[in-house]
């Protein structure tokens, strides 16, 4: 699941369409409606806006930028399903032979599968896809050595935008060691802001880290996002 994207929501009538409770709190889908405009599906966690279907540029840019860094991304792991736009971009790359998406919240997977999230069923039907409901830290710790050419993490939107406080561990050396063991070529972590402490942790674990900045157009506004890349 991704964390808050930095764009301003247009005023729309919001209608709750799905709700679930987990040990981490409340996950809610809402639909925002405006006359003569397509409805917008919005994801909130514990009352905080996370992402929506109106502006998906950053999610897509994450996947596109990371895939360009890997010569042969045959096997990919995506940490965080969210509303599926990062995953969709990964699956659109025909070089990808298999993709594992790890999502913490079962309800998001269920809503994708049953059509509550309209585009979800077709996306999850891709025969190259394996959906794992788990903490990404557990999934990587249990993965085979060098299991994935590309490990792409968008669990939050970087260490400054945590969906759950426990996710802080994802940006620290113990987790990154597990990620390194499971990565054959490239680990890439998306961040809404510069994150020098993450860069230092990656340098410590991998011996290299390349912070890459990307301009992403969000409606009428340009934003700068970051991809922190380490190679094995």
Protein backbone atom coordinates (compact mmCIF):
# COMPACT_ATOMS: atom_id res chain seq x y z
CA UNK A 1 0.00 0.00 0.00
CA UNK A 2 1.30 3.46 -0.81
CA UNK A 3 1.18 6.55 1.34
CA UNK A 4 -0.15 10.03 0.73
CA UNK A 5 0.45 11.58 -2.70
CA UNK A 6 1.03 15.29 -2.72
CA UNK A 7 -1.84 16.67 -4.74
CA UNK A 8 -4.92 18.71 -3.97
CA UNK A 9 -8.27 16.95 -4.19
CA UNK A 10 -11.07 18.61 -6.10
CA UNK A 11 -14.24 19.06 -4.04
CA UNK A 12 -16.53 16.12 -4.72
CA UNK A 13 -19.32 14.34 -2.95
CA UNK A 14 -17.74 11.33 -1.19
CA UNK A 15 -19.63 8.07 -0.66
CA UNK A 16 -18.17 5.17 1.29
CA UNK A 17 -18.24 1.96 -0.78
CA UNK A 18 -16.22 -0.47 1.36
CA UNK A 19 -14.72 -0.68 4.84
CA UNK A 20 -12.59 -3.24 6.68
CA UNK A 21 -10.91 -3.46 10.08
CA UNK A 22 -7.56 -5.10 10.79
CA UNK A 23 -5.17 -5.14 13.73
CA UNK A 24 -3.60 -2.04 12.20
CA UNK A 25 -6.88 -0.13 12.07
CA UNK A 26 -9.42 0.85 9.44
CA UNK A 27 -9.18 0.65 5.65
CA UNK A 28 -11.85 2.52 3.70
CA UNK A 29 -12.71 2.92 0.04
CA UNK A 30 -14.69 5.99 -0.92
CA UNK A 31 -16.05 7.16 -4.24
CA UNK A 32 -15.93 10.87 -5.01
CA UNK A 33 -18.54 12.05 -7.47
CA UNK A 34 -18.85 15.25 -9.42
CA UNK A 35 -21.35 16.16 -12.11
CA UNK A 36 -20.10 15.42 -15.64
CA UNK A 37 -16.88 13.77 -14.40
CA UNK A 38 -16.00 10.09 -13.95
CA UNK A 39 -16.24 8.84 -10.36
CA UNK A 40 -12.95 8.68 -8.45
CA UNK A 41 -12.10 5.81 -6.10
CA UNK A 42 -10.18 6.93 -3.03
CA UNK A 43 -8.28 4.84 -0.46
CA UNK A 44 -8.00 5.97 3.16
CA UNK A 45 -6.22 4.25 6.06
CA UNK A 46 -7.18 5.23 9.61
CA UNK A 47 -8.88 8.33 8.23
CA UNK A 48 -5.82 9.52 6.25
CA UNK A 49 -5.96 9.93 2.47
CA UNK A 50 -3.54 7.49 0.81
CA UNK A 51 -4.21 7.53 -2.94
CA UNK A 52 -6.95 7.67 -5.55
CA UNK A 53 -7.70 6.87 -9.19
CA UNK A 54 -7.76 10.51 -10.33
CA UNK A 55 -3.99 11.04 -10.28
CA UNK A 56 -1.82 7.98 -10.81
CA UNK A 57 1.27 9.54 -12.40
CA UNK A 58 3.60 8.90 -9.47
CA UNK A 59 2.62 5.24 -9.12
CA UNK A 60 3.18 4.62 -12.83
CA UNK A 61 6.40 6.62 -12.91
CA UNK A 62 7.78 4.48 -10.09
CA UNK A 63 7.45 1.30 -12.10
CA UNK A 64 8.60 2.79 -15.40
CA UNK A 65 11.71 4.35 -13.88
CA UNK A 66 12.69 1.20 -11.98
CA UNK A 67 12.17 -1.11 -14.96
CA UNK A 68 14.42 1.08 -17.11
CA UNK A 69 17.28 0.34 -14.69
CA UNK A 70 17.14 -3.43 -15.22
CA UNK A 71 18.35 -4.99 -18.45
CA UNK A 72 16.28 -8.16 -18.05
CA UNK A 73 13.56 -7.78 -15.39
CA UNK A 74 12.28 -11.34 -15.75
CA UNK A 75 11.26 -11.73 -12.11
CA UNK A 76 9.89 -8.74 -10.16
CA UNK A 77 8.62 -8.23 -6.63
CA UNK A 78 6.37 -5.24 -5.94
CA UNK A 79 5.94 -4.30 -2.29
CA UNK A 80 2.52 -2.68 -1.92
CA UNK A 81 -0.61 -3.23 -4.02
CA UNK A 82 -2.60 -0.11 -3.18
CA UNK A 83 -5.03 0.51 -6.03
CA UNK A 84 -2.81 -1.41 -8.44
CA UNK A 85 -1.28 1.24 -10.70
CA UNK A 86 2.37 0.44 -9.99
CA UNK A 87 1.61 -3.23 -10.53
CA UNK A 88 -0.25 -2.48 -13.79
CA UNK A 89 2.78 -0.68 -15.17
CA UNK A 90 5.06 -3.59 -14.24
CA UNK A 91 2.77 -6.08 -15.96
CA UNK A 92 2.60 -3.85 -19.04
CA UNK A 93 6.32 -4.55 -19.59
CA UNK A 94 6.41 -7.75 -21.64
CA UNK A 95 9.97 -8.48 -20.48
CA UNK A 96 8.49 -9.36 -17.08
CA UNK A 97 8.04 -13.11 -16.93
CA UNK A 98 6.70 -13.29 -13.38
CA UNK A 99 5.66 -10.76 -10.76
CA UNK A 100 4.96 -11.17 -7.05
CA UNK A 101 2.96 -8.41 -5.38
CA UNK A 102 3.03 -8.34 -1.58
CA UNK A 103 0.15 -6.56 0.15
CA UNK A 104 -0.39 -6.31 3.89
CA UNK A 105 -4.17 -5.84 3.81
CA UNK A 106 -6.31 -8.79 2.69
CA UNK A 107 -9.27 -6.47 2.09
CA UNK A 108 -7.46 -4.62 -0.71
CA UNK A 109 -6.82 -7.88 -2.54
CA UNK A 110 -10.44 -8.92 -2.03
CA UNK A 111 -11.78 -5.59 -3.31
CA UNK A 112 -9.58 -5.89 -6.39
CA UNK A 113 -10.73 -9.43 -7.08
CA UNK A 114 -14.47 -8.88 -6.58
CA UNK A 115 -14.68 -5.71 -8.66
CA UNK A 116 -15.22 -3.24 -5.83
CA UNK A 117 -12.11 -1.62 -7.32
CA UNK A 118 -13.35 -1.67 -10.90
CA UNK A 119 -10.10 -2.40 -12.74
CA UNK A 120 -8.88 -4.93 -10.17
CA UNK A 121 -10.22 -8.25 -11.42
CA UNK A 122 -8.64 -7.95 -14.85
CA UNK A 123 -5.32 -6.86 -13.36
CA UNK A 124 -5.11 -9.75 -10.89
CA UNK A 125 -6.07 -12.25 -13.60
CA UNK A 126 -2.67 -11.88 -15.31
CA UNK A 127 -1.15 -15.37 -15.38
CA UNK A 128 2.31 -13.99 -14.59
CA UNK A 129 1.12 -12.63 -11.24
CA UNK A 130 1.39 -14.15 -7.77
CA UNK A 131 -0.43 -12.24 -5.01
CA UNK A 132 0.93 -12.67 -1.47
CA UNK A 133 -0.91 -11.25 1.54
CA UNK A 134 1.86 -10.64 4.07
CA UNK A 135 4.22 -8.09 5.53
CA UNK A 136 6.83 -7.43 2.83
CA UNK A 137 9.57 -7.88 5.44
CA UNK A 138 8.36 -11.43 6.05
CA UNK A 139 7.98 -12.14 2.35
CA UNK A 140 11.54 -11.07 1.59
CA UNK A 141 12.98 -12.89 4.61
CA UNK A 142 11.36 -16.10 3.36
CA UNK A 143 12.28 -15.62 -0.33
CA UNK A 144 14.94 -17.69 -2.02
CA UNK A 145 18.34 -16.12 -2.45
CA UNK A 146 18.48 -13.90 -5.57
CA UNK A 147 14.83 -14.69 -6.25
CA UNK A 148 14.00 -11.39 -7.99
CA UNK A 149 15.76 -9.38 -10.68
CA UNK A 150 14.00 -6.28 -9.40
CA UNK A 151 12.58 -5.56 -5.94
CA UNK A 152 10.39 -2.47 -6.13
CA UNK A 153 9.12 -1.03 -2.84
CA UNK A 154 6.22 1.41 -2.62
CA UNK A 155 4.87 0.23 0.74
CA UNK A 156 4.78 3.88 1.79
CA UNK A 157 5.78 6.89 -0.24
CA UNK A 158 9.18 6.87 1.39
CA UNK A 159 10.34 7.04 5.01
CA UNK A 160 8.72 10.45 5.52
CA UNK A 161 5.21 9.23 4.67
CA UNK A 162 4.52 6.09 6.69
CA UNK A 163 1.12 4.41 6.39
CA UNK A 164 1.86 2.50 9.63
CA UNK A 165 4.56 3.43 12.13
CA UNK A 166 5.93 -0.14 12.05
CA UNK A 167 6.91 0.48 8.42
CA UNK A 168 9.83 2.56 9.70
CA UNK A 169 11.81 -0.69 9.89
CA UNK A 170 11.61 -1.11 6.10
CA UNK A 171 14.11 1.71 5.64
CA UNK A 172 16.69 0.40 8.11
CA UNK A 173 19.67 -1.98 7.60
CA UNK A 174 18.17 -5.23 9.06
CA UNK A 175 15.31 -5.20 6.54
CA UNK A 176 17.56 -4.02 3.72
CA UNK A 177 19.87 -6.99 4.37
CA UNK A 178 16.94 -9.34 3.73
CA UNK A 179 16.02 -7.39 0.62
CA UNK A 180 19.60 -7.61 -0.64
CA UNK A 181 19.66 -11.39 -0.21
CA UNK A 182 16.47 -11.75 -2.28
CA UNK A 183 17.56 -9.33 -5.02
CA UNK A 184 19.44 -10.51 -8.09
CA UNK A 185 19.98 -7.13 -9.78
CA UNK A 186 18.27 -3.98 -8.45
CA UNK A 187 16.43 -2.81 -5.35
CA UNK A 188 14.46 0.40 -5.88
CA UNK A 189 12.58 2.37 -3.21
CA UNK A 190 10.28 5.27 -4.09
CA UNK A 191 10.18 8.42 -1.95
CA UNK A 192 8.18 11.63 -2.19
CA UNK A 193 11.10 13.60 -0.76
CA UNK A 194 14.86 13.35 -0.55
CA UNK A 195 15.73 10.75 2.10
CA UNK A 196 19.46 10.94 2.88
CA UNK A 197 19.15 8.58 5.86
CA UNK A 198 17.67 5.92 3.55
CA UNK A 199 20.50 6.53 1.10
CA UNK A 200 23.04 6.04 3.89
CA UNK A 201 21.38 2.80 5.01
CA UNK A 202 21.40 1.45 1.45
CA UNK A 203 25.06 2.44 1.04
CA UNK A 204 25.87 0.60 4.26
CA UNK A 205 24.12 -2.61 3.20
CA UNK A 206 24.76 -2.74 -0.56
CA UNK A 207 27.96 -0.75 -0.79
CA UNK A 208 26.25 1.54 -3.31
CA UNK A 209 23.21 3.79 -3.58
CA UNK A 210 22.08 6.02 -6.43
CA UNK A 211 19.41 8.62 -5.57
CA UNK A 212 17.55 9.55 -8.76
CA UNK A 213 15.14 12.48 -8.98
CA UNK A 214 12.14 12.49 -11.29
CA UNK A 215 9.75 15.25 -12.29
CA UNK A 216 6.18 13.98 -12.18
CA UNK A 217 3.25 15.99 -13.51
CA UNK A 218 0.29 15.90 -11.11
CA UNK A 219 -2.53 17.60 -12.95
CA UNK A 220 -1.38 21.19 -13.48
CA UNK A 221 1.44 20.89 -10.96
CA UNK A 222 4.96 19.50 -11.25
CA UNK A 223 6.44 17.56 -8.35
CA UNK A 224 9.89 16.10 -7.78
CA UNK A 225 10.03 12.52 -6.57
CA UNK A 226 12.97 10.27 -5.76
CA UNK A 227 13.98 6.70 -6.49
CA UNK A 228 16.70 5.21 -4.27
CA UNK A 229 18.48 2.49 -6.19
CA UNK A 230 21.03 -0.10 -5.07
CA UNK A 231 22.56 -2.86 -7.17
CA UNK A 232 23.79 -6.25 -6.06
